[in-house]
Amino acid sequence: MGKRIATVLGILATAFMLAVTPASARTVGPGDTIYDDVPGHFYYERSCETYYSLTISSTRAVAGKNIYSGHCAGHVWLRMMGDSLGKWSNDPTSITRTSPKGKFRWAYIKGCADCHAYIVYP
């Protein structure tokens, strides 16, 4: 029983810290510049001068790569967390995922297979 309580308290403390941690404390990938980092939206530029964005709610996520900027060869990559953590998906320009029952809890976005991944909450 004591271990269960300690585990629950640890999870609650982690959730609290994530909720109160300012966006400026986010780890930034090498050469990346973050322009918008608010709940539901994330917008950044990779060192190759290409812009990526993710807009997420509990029912829909749209990740995109601006193909008119920069010179990144990488795709936009998206990974969703609903009931469980899904597999990475990628596309040259955009990915849209829907959750009719509103189960999206967060998503990851990155600009190439080996790039830094950013977590974004609705």
PDB file of N, CA and C in Angstrom:
ATOM      1  N   MET A   1       0.816  -1.187   0.000  1.00  0.00           N
ATOM      2  CA  MET A   1       0.000   0.000   0.000  1.00  0.00           C
ATOM      3  C   MET A   1       0.864   1.257   0.000  1.00  0.00           C
ATOM      4  N   GLY A   2       1.941   1.260   0.789  1.00  0.00           N
ATOM      5  CA  GLY A   2       2.833   2.416   0.867  1.00  0.00           C
ATOM      6  C   GLY A   2       3.509   2.723  -0.454  1.00  0.00           C
ATOM      7  N   LYS A   3       3.883   1.672  -1.200  1.00  0.00           N
ATOM      8  CA  LYS A   3       4.523   1.883  -2.505  1.00  0.00           C
ATOM      9  C   LYS A   3       3.543   2.509  -3.487  1.00  0.00           C
ATOM     10  N   ARG A   4       2.285   2.079  -3.420  1.00  0.00           N
ATOM     11  CA  ARG A   4       1.270   2.640  -4.305  1.00  0.00           C
ATOM     12  C   ARG A   4       1.067   4.123  -4.038  1.00  0.00           C
ATOM     13  N   ILE A   5       1.017   4.490  -2.787  1.00  0.00           N
ATOM     14  CA  ILE A   5       0.843   5.896  -2.420  1.00  0.00           C
ATOM     15  C   ILE A   5       2.038   6.713  -2.881  1.00  0.00           C
ATOM     16  N   ALA A   6       3.239   6.170  -2.682  1.00  0.00           N
ATOM     17  CA  ALA A   6       4.442   6.873  -3.121  1.00  0.00           C
ATOM     18  C   ALA A   6       4.442   7.049  -4.631  1.00  0.00           C
ATOM     19  N   THR A   7       4.004   6.029  -5.373  1.00  0.00           N
ATOM     20  CA  THR A   7       3.941   6.121  -6.835  1.00  0.00           C
ATOM     21  C   THR A   7       2.940   7.187  -7.256  1.00  0.00           C
ATOM     22  N   VAL A   8       1.772   7.180  -6.666  1.00  0.00           N
ATOM     23  CA  VAL A   8       0.742   8.175  -7.002  1.00  0.00           C
ATOM     24  C   VAL A   8       1.246   9.584  -6.681  1.00  0.00           C
ATOM     25  N   LEU A   9       1.877   9.756  -5.528  1.00  0.00           N
ATOM     26  CA  LEU A   9       2.414  11.070  -5.168  1.00  0.00           C
ATOM     27  C   LEU A   9       3.495  11.510  -6.149  1.00  0.00           C
ATOM     28  N   GLY A  10       4.325  10.577  -6.583  1.00  0.00           N
ATOM     29  CA  GLY A  10       5.364  10.901  -7.564  1.00  0.00           C
ATOM     30  C   GLY A  10       4.769  11.335  -8.886  1.00  0.00           C
ATOM     31  N   ILE A  11       3.729  10.640  -9.321  1.00  0.00           N
ATOM     32  CA  ILE A  11       3.059  11.004 -10.581  1.00  0.00           C
ATOM     33  C   ILE A  11       2.415  12.378 -10.456  1.00  0.00           C
ATOM     34  N   LEU A  12       1.750  12.638  -9.329  1.00  0.00           N
ATOM     35  CA  LEU A  12       1.118  13.943  -9.127  1.00  0.00           C
ATOM     36  C   LEU A  12       2.153  15.063  -9.085  1.00  0.00           C
ATOM     37  N   ALA A  13       3.294  14.815  -8.436  1.00  0.00           N
ATOM     38  CA  ALA A  13       4.346  15.835  -8.381  1.00  0.00           C
ATOM     39  C   ALA A  13       4.887  16.116  -9.777  1.00  0.00           C
ATOM     40  N   THR A  14       5.079  15.067 -10.579  1.00  0.00           N
ATOM     41  CA  THR A  14       5.559  15.250 -11.950  1.00  0.00           C
ATOM     42  C   THR A  14       4.555  16.042 -12.763  1.00  0.00           C
ATOM     43  N   ALA A  15       3.279  15.705 -12.669  1.00  0.00           N
ATOM     44  CA  ALA A  15       2.239  16.432 -13.408  1.00  0.00           C
ATOM     45  C   ALA A  15       2.215  17.898 -12.998  1.00  0.00           C
ATOM     46  N   PHE A  16       2.349  18.165 -11.706  1.00  0.00           N
ATOM     47  CA  PHE A  16       2.369  19.545 -11.228  1.00  0.00           C
ATOM     48  C   PHE A  16       3.555  20.300 -11.803  1.00  0.00           C
ATOM     49  N   MET A  17       4.731  19.704 -11.787  1.00  0.00           N
ATOM     50  CA  MET A  17       5.930  20.370 -12.302  1.00  0.00           C
ATOM     51  C   MET A  17       5.794  20.652 -13.798  1.00  0.00           C
ATOM     52  N   LEU A  18       5.226  19.703 -14.545  1.00  0.00           N
ATOM     53  CA  LEU A  18       5.011  19.939 -15.971  1.00  0.00           C
ATOM     54  C   LEU A  18       4.026  21.075 -16.194  1.00  0.00           C
ATOM     55  N   ALA A  19       3.035  21.175 -15.350  1.00  0.00           N
ATOM     56  CA  ALA A  19       2.011  22.214 -15.507  1.00  0.00           C
ATOM     57  C   ALA A  19       2.547  23.600 -15.189  1.00  0.00           C
ATOM     58  N   VAL A  20       3.495  23.716 -14.267  1.00  0.00           N
ATOM     59  CA  VAL A  20       3.975  25.034 -13.861  1.00  0.00           C
ATOM     60  C   VAL A  20       5.320  25.399 -14.466  1.00  0.00           C
ATOM     61  N   THR A  21       5.928  24.503 -15.224  1.00  0.00           N
ATOM     62  CA  THR A  21       7.218  24.797 -15.838  1.00  0.00           C
ATOM     63  C   THR A  21       7.013  25.786 -16.978  1.00  0.00           C
ATOM     64  N   PRO A  22       7.700  26.905 -16.981  1.00  0.00           N
ATOM     65  CA  PRO A  22       7.526  27.878 -18.057  1.00  0.00           C
ATOM     66  C   PRO A  22       8.070  27.352 -19.377  1.00  0.00           C
ATOM     67  N   ALA A  23       7.503  27.840 -20.475  1.00  0.00           N
ATOM     68  CA  ALA A  23       7.929  27.399 -21.802  1.00  0.00           C
ATOM     69  C   ALA A  23       9.411  27.655 -22.028  1.00  0.00           C
ATOM     70  N   SER A  24       9.958  28.694 -21.402  1.00  0.00           N
ATOM     71  CA  SER A  24      11.363  29.017 -21.601  1.00  0.00           C
ATOM     72  C   SER A  24      12.278  27.924 -21.073  1.00  0.00           C
ATOM     73  N   ALA A  25      11.751  27.027 -20.238  1.00  0.00           N
ATOM     74  CA  ALA A  25      12.559  25.939 -19.696  1.00  0.00           C
ATOM     75  C   ALA A  25      12.635  24.765 -20.664  1.00  0.00           C
ATOM     76  N   ARG A  26      11.962  24.839 -21.785  1.00  0.00           N
ATOM     77  CA  ARG A  26      11.941  23.761 -22.770  1.00  0.00           C
ATOM     78  C   ARG A  26      13.342  23.554 -23.344  1.00  0.00           C
ATOM     79  N   THR A  27      13.729  22.300 -23.502  1.00  0.00           N
ATOM     80  CA  THR A  27      14.985  21.976 -24.160  1.00  0.00           C
ATOM     81  C   THR A  27      14.803  22.220 -25.656  1.00  0.00           C
ATOM     82  N   VAL A  28      15.736  22.920 -26.250  1.00  0.00           N
ATOM     83  CA  VAL A  28      15.650  23.288 -27.666  1.00  0.00           C
ATOM     84  C   VAL A  28      16.709  22.511 -28.438  1.00  0.00           C
ATOM     85  N   GLY A  29      16.310  21.960 -29.582  1.00  0.00           N
ATOM     86  CA  GLY A  29      17.233  21.211 -30.423  1.00  0.00           C
ATOM     87  C   GLY A  29      18.327  22.108 -30.970  1.00  0.00           C
ATOM     88  N   PRO A  30      19.480  21.534 -31.293  1.00  0.00           N
ATOM     89  CA  PRO A  30      20.604  22.317 -31.808  1.00  0.00           C
ATOM     90  C   PRO A  30      20.219  23.115 -33.062  1.00  0.00           C
ATOM     91  N   GLY A  31      20.414  24.416 -33.002  1.00  0.00           N
ATOM     92  CA  GLY A  31      20.144  25.279 -34.149  1.00  0.00           C
ATOM     93  C   GLY A  31      18.686  25.639 -34.353  1.00  0.00           C
ATOM     94  N   ASP A  32      17.775  25.109 -33.533  1.00  0.00           N
ATOM     95  CA  ASP A  32      16.354  25.419 -33.671  1.00  0.00           C
ATOM     96  C   ASP A  32      16.022  26.744 -32.985  1.00  0.00           C
ATOM     97  N   THR A  33      14.991  27.411 -33.502  1.00  0.00           N
ATOM     98  CA  THR A  33      14.470  28.636 -32.891  1.00  0.00           C
ATOM     99  C   THR A  33      12.977  28.460 -32.709  1.00  0.00           C
ATOM    100  N   ILE A  34      12.494  28.609 -31.489  1.00  0.00           N
ATOM    101  CA  ILE A  34      11.066  28.491 -31.202  1.00  0.00           C
ATOM    102  C   ILE A  34      10.440  29.877 -31.243  1.00  0.00           C
ATOM    103  N   TYR A  35       9.351  29.999 -32.019  1.00  0.00           N
ATOM    104  CA  TYR A  35       8.660  31.272 -32.150  1.00  0.00           C
ATOM    105  C   TYR A  35       7.333  31.305 -31.403  1.00  0.00           C
ATOM    106  N   ASP A  36       6.667  30.175 -31.293  1.00  0.00           N
ATOM    107  CA  ASP A  36       5.382  30.130 -30.609  1.00  0.00           C
ATOM    108  C   ASP A  36       5.294  28.816 -29.849  1.00  0.00           C
ATOM    109  N   ASP A  37       5.070  28.912 -28.549  1.00  0.00           N
ATOM    110  CA  ASP A  37       5.019  27.733 -27.687  1.00  0.00           C
ATOM    111  C   ASP A  37       3.959  27.968 -26.614  1.00  0.00           C
ATOM    112  N   VAL A  38       2.710  27.734 -26.997  1.00  0.00           N
ATOM    113  CA  VAL A  38       1.580  27.901 -26.082  1.00  0.00           C
ATOM    114  C   VAL A  38       0.746  26.622 -26.140  1.00  0.00           C
ATOM    115  N   PRO A  39      -0.072  26.376 -25.130  1.00  0.00           N
ATOM    116  CA  PRO A  39      -0.923  25.184 -25.197  1.00  0.00           C
ATOM    117  C   PRO A  39      -1.737  25.176 -26.491  1.00  0.00           C
ATOM    118  N   GLY A  40      -1.660  24.092 -27.209  1.00  0.00           N
ATOM    119  CA  GLY A  40      -2.412  23.945 -28.444  1.00  0.00           C
ATOM    120  C   GLY A  40      -1.680  24.355 -29.703  1.00  0.00           C
ATOM    121  N   HIS A  41      -0.546  25.053 -29.567  1.00  0.00           N
ATOM    122  CA  HIS A  41       0.173  25.480 -30.776  1.00  0.00           C
ATOM    123  C   HIS A  41       1.671  25.585 -30.524  1.00  0.00           C
ATOM    124  N   PHE A  42       2.438  25.091 -31.499  1.00  0.00           N
ATOM    125  CA  PHE A  42       3.894  25.140 -31.425  1.00  0.00           C
ATOM    126  C   PHE A  42       4.420  25.447 -32.826  1.00  0.00           C
ATOM    127  N   TYR A  43       5.338  26.404 -32.913  1.00  0.00           N
ATOM    128  CA  TYR A  43       5.866  26.846 -34.206  1.00  0.00           C
ATOM    129  C   TYR A  43       7.352  27.101 -34.040  1.00  0.00           C
ATOM    130  N   TYR A  44       8.158  26.455 -34.876  1.00  0.00           N
ATOM    131  CA  TYR A  44       9.599  26.639 -34.746  1.00  0.00           C
ATOM    132  C   TYR A  44      10.299  26.557 -36.096  1.00  0.00           C
ATOM    133  N   GLU A  45      11.568  26.992 -36.083  1.00  0.00           N
ATOM    134  CA  GLU A  45      12.403  26.986 -37.281  1.00  0.00           C
ATOM    135  C   GLU A  45      13.623  26.123 -37.011  1.00  0.00           C
ATOM    136  N   ARG A  46      13.929  25.247 -37.955  1.00  0.00           N
ATOM    137  CA  ARG A  46      15.147  24.445 -37.843  1.00  0.00           C
ATOM    138  C   ARG A  46      16.319  25.248 -38.379  1.00  0.00           C
ATOM    139  N   SER A  47      17.524  24.778 -38.118  1.00  0.00           N
ATOM    140  CA  SER A  47      18.738  25.484 -38.540  1.00  0.00           C
ATOM    141  C   SER A  47      18.843  25.607 -40.060  1.00  0.00           C
ATOM    142  N   CYS A  48      18.102  24.791 -40.787  1.00  0.00           N
ATOM    143  CA  CYS A  48      18.101  24.853 -42.250  1.00  0.00           C
ATOM    144  C   CYS A  48      17.051  25.834 -42.773  1.00  0.00           C
ATOM    145  N   GLU A  49      16.573  26.708 -41.880  1.00  0.00           N
ATOM    146  CA  GLU A  49      15.669  27.810 -42.204  1.00  0.00           C
ATOM    147  C   GLU A  49      14.288  27.366 -42.700  1.00  0.00           C
ATOM    148  N   THR A  50      13.834  26.191 -42.258  1.00  0.00           N
ATOM    149  CA  THR A  50      12.503  25.704 -42.598  1.00  0.00           C
ATOM    150  C   THR A  50      11.643  25.745 -41.341  1.00  0.00           C
ATOM    151  N   TYR A  51      10.385  26.143 -41.505  1.00  0.00           N
ATOM    152  CA  TYR A  51       9.456  26.301 -40.387  1.00  0.00           C
ATOM    153  C   TYR A  51       8.538  25.083 -40.270  1.00  0.00           C
ATOM    154  N   TYR A  52       8.282  24.678 -39.027  1.00  0.00           N
ATOM    155  CA  TYR A  52       7.402  23.560 -38.714  1.00  0.00           C
ATOM    156  C   TYR A  52       6.388  24.022 -37.676  1.00  0.00           C
ATOM    157  N   SER A  53       5.183  23.451 -37.733  1.00  0.00           N
ATOM    158  CA  SER A  53       4.167  23.834 -36.749  1.00  0.00           C
ATOM    159  C   SER A  53       3.309  22.637 -36.374  1.00  0.00           C
ATOM    160  N   LEU A  54       2.738  22.732 -35.189  1.00  0.00           N
ATOM    161  CA  LEU A  54       1.782  21.737 -34.717  1.00  0.00           C
ATOM    162  C   LEU A  54       0.665  22.463 -33.990  1.00  0.00           C
ATOM    163  N   THR A  55      -0.562  22.199 -34.406  1.00  0.00           N
ATOM    164  CA  THR A  55      -1.743  22.687 -33.722  1.00  0.00           C
ATOM    165  C   THR A  55      -2.489  21.454 -33.221  1.00  0.00           C
ATOM    166  N   ILE A  56      -2.808  21.439 -31.923  1.00  0.00           N
ATOM    167  CA  ILE A  56      -3.425  20.253 -31.333  1.00  0.00           C
ATOM    168  C   ILE A  56      -4.542  20.628 -30.367  1.00  0.00           C
ATOM    169  N   SER A  57      -5.622  19.849 -30.426  1.00  0.00           N
ATOM    170  CA  SER A  57      -6.692  19.898 -29.432  1.00  0.00           C
ATOM    171  C   SER A  57      -6.912  18.457 -28.989  1.00  0.00           C
ATOM    172  N   SER A  58      -7.877  18.219 -28.148  1.00  0.00           N
ATOM    173  CA  SER A  58      -8.126  16.844 -27.713  1.00  0.00           C
ATOM    174  C   SER A  58      -8.713  15.979 -28.827  1.00  0.00           C
ATOM    175  N   THR A  59      -9.196  16.612 -29.906  1.00  0.00           N
ATOM    176  CA  THR A  59      -9.827  15.860 -30.992  1.00  0.00           C
ATOM    177  C   THR A  59      -9.102  15.921 -32.331  1.00  0.00           C
ATOM    178  N   ARG A  60      -8.147  16.839 -32.482  1.00  0.00           N
ATOM    179  CA  ARG A  60      -7.499  16.993 -33.794  1.00  0.00           C
ATOM    180  C   ARG A  60      -6.079  17.518 -33.633  1.00  0.00           C
ATOM    181  N   ALA A  61      -5.186  17.003 -34.479  1.00  0.00           N
ATOM    182  CA  ALA A  61      -3.815  17.489 -34.518  1.00  0.00           C
ATOM    183  C   ALA A  61      -3.401  17.666 -35.975  1.00  0.00           C
ATOM    184  N   VAL A  62      -2.771  18.804 -36.253  1.00  0.00           N
ATOM    185  CA  VAL A  62      -2.281  19.095 -37.598  1.00  0.00           C
ATOM    186  C   VAL A  62      -0.835  19.552 -37.486  1.00  0.00           C
ATOM    187  N   ALA A  63       0.060  18.788 -38.088  1.00  0.00           N
ATOM    188  CA  ALA A  63       1.483  19.132 -38.117  1.00  0.00           C
ATOM    189  C   ALA A  63       1.848  19.482 -39.547  1.00  0.00           C
ATOM    190  N   GLY A  64       2.676  20.511 -39.702  1.00  0.00           N
ATOM    191  CA  GLY A  64       3.022  20.931 -41.045  1.00  0.00           C
ATOM    192  C   GLY A  64       4.440  21.425 -41.175  1.00  0.00           C
ATOM    193  N   LYS A  65       4.914  21.365 -42.402  1.00  0.00           N
ATOM    194  CA  LYS A  65       6.229  21.882 -42.781  1.00  0.00           C
ATOM    195  C   LYS A  65       6.004  22.912 -43.875  1.00  0.00           C
ATOM    196  N   ASN A  66       6.597  24.092 -43.719  1.00  0.00           N
ATOM    197  CA  ASN A  66       6.476  25.126 -44.735  1.00  0.00           C
ATOM    198  C   ASN A  66       7.472  24.813 -45.846  1.00  0.00           C
ATOM    199  N   ILE A  67       6.969  24.330 -46.974  1.00  0.00           N
ATOM    200  CA  ILE A  67       7.848  23.934 -48.074  1.00  0.00           C
ATOM    201  C   ILE A  67       8.371  25.127 -48.869  1.00  0.00           C
ATOM    202  N   TYR A  68       7.884  26.330 -48.547  1.00  0.00           N
ATOM    203  CA  TYR A  68       8.318  27.529 -49.254  1.00  0.00           C
ATOM    204  C   TYR A  68       9.424  28.277 -48.515  1.00  0.00           C
ATOM    205  N   SER A  69       9.862  27.717 -47.403  1.00  0.00           N
ATOM    206  CA  SER A  69      10.941  28.347 -46.651  1.00  0.00           C
ATOM    207  C   SER A  69      12.088  27.365 -46.503  1.00  0.00           C
ATOM    208  N   GLY A  70      13.268  27.889 -46.422  1.00  0.00           N
ATOM    209  CA  GLY A  70      14.435  27.081 -46.093  1.00  0.00           C
ATOM    210  C   GLY A  70      14.796  26.020 -47.104  1.00  0.00           C
ATOM    211  N   HIS A  71      15.629  25.101 -46.627  1.00  0.00           N
ATOM    212  CA  HIS A  71      16.146  24.060 -47.503  1.00  0.00           C
ATOM    213  C   HIS A  71      16.270  22.716 -46.791  1.00  0.00           C
ATOM    214  N   CYS A  72      15.371  22.444 -45.832  1.00  0.00           N
ATOM    215  CA  CYS A  72      15.378  21.159 -45.129  1.00  0.00           C
ATOM    216  C   CYS A  72      14.834  20.068 -46.047  1.00  0.00           C
ATOM    217  N   ALA A  73      15.539  18.968 -46.086  1.00  0.00           N
ATOM    218  CA  ALA A  73      15.073  17.823 -46.859  1.00  0.00           C
ATOM    219  C   ALA A  73      14.137  16.945 -46.031  1.00  0.00           C
ATOM    220  N   GLY A  74      14.179  17.104 -44.708  1.00  0.00           N
ATOM    221  CA  GLY A  74      13.387  16.250 -43.824  1.00  0.00           C
ATOM    222  C   GLY A  74      11.894  16.488 -43.930  1.00  0.00           C
ATOM    223  N   HIS A  75      11.134  15.459 -43.594  1.00  0.00           N
ATOM    224  CA  HIS A  75       9.674  15.538 -43.539  1.00  0.00           C
ATOM    225  C   HIS A  75       9.243  16.137 -42.205  1.00  0.00           C
ATOM    226  N   VAL A  76       7.956  16.395 -42.069  1.00  0.00           N
ATOM    227  CA  VAL A  76       7.387  16.696 -40.763  1.00  0.00           C
ATOM    228  C   VAL A  76       7.007  15.343 -40.154  1.00  0.00           C
ATOM    229  N   TRP A  77       7.323  15.168 -38.881  1.00  0.00           N
ATOM    230  CA  TRP A  77       7.065  13.918 -38.166  1.00  0.00           C
ATOM    231  C   TRP A  77       6.112  14.203 -37.011  1.00  0.00           C
ATOM    232  N   LEU A  78       5.154  13.292 -36.769  1.00  0.00           N
ATOM    233  CA  LEU A  78       4.142  13.457 -35.737  1.00  0.00           C
ATOM    234  C   LEU A  78       3.919  12.132 -35.024  1.00  0.00           C
ATOM    235  N   ARG A  79       3.786  12.216 -33.706  1.00  0.00           N
ATOM    236  CA  ARG A  79       3.499  11.037 -32.883  1.00  0.00           C
ATOM    237  C   ARG A  79       2.489  11.445 -31.822  1.00  0.00           C
ATOM    238  N   MET A  80       1.378  10.734 -31.751  1.00  0.00           N
ATOM    239  CA  MET A  80       0.273  11.108 -30.874  1.00  0.00           C
ATOM    240  C   MET A  80       0.223  10.255 -29.612  1.00  0.00           C
ATOM    241  N   MET A  81      -0.261  10.883 -28.528  1.00  0.00           N
ATOM    242  CA  MET A  81      -0.563  10.169 -27.299  1.00  0.00           C
ATOM    243  C   MET A  81      -2.052  10.293 -27.051  1.00  0.00           C
ATOM    244  N   GLY A  82      -2.749   9.168 -27.112  1.00  0.00           N
ATOM    245  CA  GLY A  82      -4.174   9.111 -26.792  1.00  0.00           C
ATOM    246  C   GLY A  82      -4.331   8.135 -25.642  1.00  0.00           C
ATOM    247  N   ASP A  83      -4.936   6.987 -25.932  1.00  0.00           N
ATOM    248  CA  ASP A  83      -4.988   5.918 -24.935  1.00  0.00           C
ATOM    249  C   ASP A  83      -3.591   5.332 -24.718  1.00  0.00           C
ATOM    250  N   SER A  84      -2.780   5.377 -25.768  1.00  0.00           N
ATOM    251  CA  SER A  84      -1.393   4.907 -25.692  1.00  0.00           C
ATOM    252  C   SER A  84      -0.576   5.722 -26.694  1.00  0.00           C
ATOM    253  N   LEU A  85       0.725   5.594 -26.614  1.00  0.00           N
ATOM    254  CA  LEU A  85       1.608   6.342 -27.504  1.00  0.00           C
ATOM    255  C   LEU A  85       1.669   5.647 -28.859  1.00  0.00           C
ATOM    256  N   GLY A  86       1.282   6.374 -29.898  1.00  0.00           N
ATOM    257  CA  GLY A  86       1.265   5.812 -31.241  1.00  0.00           C
ATOM    258  C   GLY A  86       2.647   5.806 -31.882  1.00  0.00           C
ATOM    259  N   LYS A  87       2.707   5.297 -33.091  1.00  0.00           N
ATOM    260  CA  LYS A  87       3.948   5.255 -33.858  1.00  0.00           C
ATOM    261  C   LYS A  87       4.166   6.587 -34.557  1.00  0.00           C
ATOM    262  N   TRP A  88       5.419   6.860 -34.911  1.00  0.00           N
ATOM    263  CA  TRP A  88       5.744   8.063 -35.668  1.00  0.00           C
ATOM    264  C   TRP A  88       5.141   7.957 -37.065  1.00  0.00           C
ATOM    265  N   SER A  89       4.580   9.059 -37.535  1.00  0.00           N
ATOM    266  CA  SER A  89       4.120   9.205 -38.916  1.00  0.00           C
ATOM    267  C   SER A  89       4.906  10.351 -39.512  1.00  0.00           C
ATOM    268  N   ASN A  90       5.124  10.312 -40.834  1.00  0.00           N
ATOM    269  CA  ASN A  90       5.823  11.432 -41.476  1.00  0.00           C
ATOM    270  C   ASN A  90       5.252  11.682 -42.859  1.00  0.00           C
ATOM    271  N   ASP A  91       5.446  12.900 -43.321  1.00  0.00           N
ATOM    272  CA  ASP A  91       4.948  13.319 -44.626  1.00  0.00           C
ATOM    273  C   ASP A  91       5.802  14.498 -45.093  1.00  0.00           C
ATOM    274  N   PRO A  92       5.953  14.678 -46.393  1.00  0.00           N
ATOM    275  CA  PRO A  92       6.757  15.806 -46.882  1.00  0.00           C
ATOM    276  C   PRO A  92       6.195  17.178 -46.497  1.00  0.00           C
ATOM    277  N   THR A  93       4.863  17.293 -46.299  1.00  0.00           N
ATOM    278  CA  THR A  93       4.287  18.613 -46.023  1.00  0.00           C
ATOM    279  C   THR A  93       3.383  18.693 -44.800  1.00  0.00           C
ATOM    280  N   SER A  94       2.453  17.731 -44.606  1.00  0.00           N
ATOM    281  CA  SER A  94       1.542  17.844 -43.462  1.00  0.00           C
ATOM    282  C   SER A  94       0.940  16.502 -43.065  1.00  0.00           C
ATOM    283  N   ILE A  95       0.535  16.443 -41.800  1.00  0.00           N
ATOM    284  CA  ILE A  95      -0.125  15.257 -41.250  1.00  0.00           C
ATOM    285  C   ILE A  95      -1.294  15.736 -40.400  1.00  0.00           C
ATOM    286  N   THR A  96      -2.450  15.111 -40.579  1.00  0.00           N
ATOM    287  CA  THR A  96      -3.617  15.413 -39.755  1.00  0.00           C
ATOM    288  C   THR A  96      -4.091  14.123 -39.105  1.00  0.00           C
ATOM    289  N   ARG A  97      -4.354  14.199 -37.818  1.00  0.00           N
ATOM    290  CA  ARG A  97      -4.894  13.067 -37.065  1.00  0.00           C
ATOM    291  C   ARG A  97      -6.128  13.545 -36.312  1.00  0.00           C
ATOM    292  N   THR A  98      -7.145  12.677 -36.221  1.00  0.00           N
ATOM    293  CA  THR A  98      -8.352  13.020 -35.472  1.00  0.00           C
ATOM    294  C   THR A  98      -8.643  11.952 -34.420  1.00  0.00           C
ATOM    295  N   SER A  99      -9.279  12.389 -33.353  1.00  0.00           N
ATOM    296  CA  SER A  99      -9.713  11.517 -32.274  1.00  0.00           C
ATOM    297  C   SER A  99     -11.163  11.857 -31.974  1.00  0.00           C
ATOM    298  N   PRO A 100     -12.104  11.150 -32.597  1.00  0.00           N
ATOM    299  CA  PRO A 100     -13.513  11.480 -32.421  1.00  0.00           C
ATOM    300  C   PRO A 100     -13.970  11.495 -30.958  1.00  0.00           C
ATOM    301  N   LYS A 101     -13.319  10.718 -30.115  1.00  0.00           N
ATOM    302  CA  LYS A 101     -13.707  10.670 -28.701  1.00  0.00           C
ATOM    303  C   LYS A 101     -12.884  11.625 -27.843  1.00  0.00           C
ATOM    304  N   GLY A 102     -12.062  12.466 -28.472  1.00  0.00           N
ATOM    305  CA  GLY A 102     -11.314  13.492 -27.749  1.00  0.00           C
ATOM    306  C   GLY A 102     -10.271  12.955 -26.792  1.00  0.00           C
ATOM    307  N   LYS A 103      -9.484  11.986 -27.244  1.00  0.00           N
ATOM    308  CA  LYS A 103      -8.530  11.343 -26.347  1.00  0.00           C
ATOM    309  C   LYS A 103      -7.088  11.820 -26.505  1.00  0.00           C
ATOM    310  N   PHE A 104      -6.829  12.775 -27.376  1.00  0.00           N
ATOM    311  CA  PHE A 104      -5.449  13.247 -27.531  1.00  0.00           C
ATOM    312  C   PHE A 104      -5.014  13.962 -26.254  1.00  0.00           C
ATOM    313  N   ARG A 105      -3.900  13.520 -25.693  1.00  0.00           N
ATOM    314  CA  ARG A 105      -3.362  14.137 -24.483  1.00  0.00           C
ATOM    315  C   ARG A 105      -2.132  14.976 -24.781  1.00  0.00           C
ATOM    316  N   TRP A 106      -1.365  14.600 -25.782  1.00  0.00           N
ATOM    317  CA  TRP A 106      -0.238  15.384 -26.260  1.00  0.00           C
ATOM    318  C   TRP A 106       0.260  14.782 -27.557  1.00  0.00           C
ATOM    319  N   ALA A 107       1.210  15.478 -28.186  1.00  0.00           N
ATOM    320  CA  ALA A 107       1.815  14.981 -29.422  1.00  0.00           C
ATOM    321  C   ALA A 107       3.266  15.421 -29.458  1.00  0.00           C
ATOM    322  N   TYR A 108       4.039  14.693 -30.236  1.00  0.00           N
ATOM    323  CA  TYR A 108       5.418  15.070 -30.522  1.00  0.00           C
ATOM    324  C   TYR A 108       5.500  15.540 -31.964  1.00  0.00           C
ATOM    325  N   ILE A 109       6.346  16.535 -32.218  1.00  0.00           N
ATOM    326  CA  ILE A 109       6.636  16.975 -33.572  1.00  0.00           C
ATOM    327  C   ILE A 109       8.143  17.062 -33.716  1.00  0.00           C
ATOM    328  N   LYS A 110       8.625  16.720 -34.905  1.00  0.00           N
ATOM    329  CA  LYS A 110      10.037  16.910 -35.220  1.00  0.00           C
ATOM    330  C   LYS A 110      10.166  17.105 -36.727  1.00  0.00           C
ATOM    331  N   GLY A 111      11.333  17.608 -37.150  1.00  0.00           N
ATOM    332  CA  GLY A 111      11.531  17.964 -38.544  1.00  0.00           C
ATOM    333  C   GLY A 111      12.341  16.979 -39.362  1.00  0.00           C
ATOM    334  N   CYS A 112      12.758  15.869 -38.786  1.00  0.00           N
ATOM    335  CA  CYS A 112      13.438  14.811 -39.522  1.00  0.00           C
ATOM    336  C   CYS A 112      13.512  13.589 -38.617  1.00  0.00           C
ATOM    337  N   ALA A 113      13.871  12.458 -39.181  1.00  0.00           N
ATOM    338  CA  ALA A 113      13.888  11.211 -38.407  1.00  0.00           C
ATOM    339  C   ALA A 113      14.789  11.298 -37.181  1.00  0.00           C
ATOM    340  N   ASP A 114      15.925  11.987 -37.300  1.00  0.00           N
ATOM    341  CA  ASP A 114      16.888  12.061 -36.208  1.00  0.00           C
ATOM    342  C   ASP A 114      16.887  13.403 -35.477  1.00  0.00           C
ATOM    343  N   CYS A 115      15.915  14.253 -35.766  1.00  0.00           N
ATOM    344  CA  CYS A 115      15.858  15.577 -35.155  1.00  0.00           C
ATOM    345  C   CYS A 115      15.303  15.527 -33.736  1.00  0.00           C
ATOM    346  N   HIS A 116      15.503  16.631 -33.013  1.00  0.00           N
ATOM    347  CA  HIS A 116      14.951  16.811 -31.684  1.00  0.00           C
ATOM    348  C   HIS A 116      13.427  16.835 -31.767  1.00  0.00           C
ATOM    349  N   ALA A 117      12.755  16.093 -30.877  1.00  0.00           N
ATOM    350  CA  ALA A 117      11.293  16.065 -30.848  1.00  0.00           C
ATOM    351  C   ALA A 117      10.778  16.974 -29.745  1.00  0.00           C
ATOM    352  N   TYR A 118       9.718  17.709 -30.061  1.00  0.00           N
ATOM    353  CA  TYR A 118       9.092  18.611 -29.101  1.00  0.00           C
ATOM    354  C   TYR A 118       7.723  18.060 -28.716  1.00  0.00           C
ATOM    355  N   ILE A 119       7.403  18.088 -27.430  1.00  0.00           N
ATOM    356  CA  ILE A 119       6.101  17.656 -26.954  1.00  0.00           C
ATOM    357  C   ILE A 119       5.189  18.876 -26.874  1.00  0.00           C
ATOM    358  N   VAL A 120       3.950  18.716 -27.343  1.00  0.00           N
ATOM    359  CA  VAL A 120       2.980  19.814 -27.364  1.00  0.00           C
ATOM    360  C   VAL A 120       1.680  19.309 -26.754  1.00  0.00           C
ATOM    361  N   TYR A 121       1.140  20.088 -25.815  1.00  0.00           N
ATOM    362  CA  TYR A 121      -0.114  19.739 -25.146  1.00  0.00           C
ATOM    363  C   TYR A 121      -1.262  20.553 -25.721  1.00  0.00           C
ATOM    364  N   PRO A 122      -2.472  19.970 -25.723  1.00  0.00           N
ATOM    365  CA  PRO A 122      -3.644  20.736 -26.209  1.00  0.00           C
ATOM    366  C   PRO A 122      -3.913  21.954 -25.335  1.00  0.00           C
TER     367      PRO A 122
END
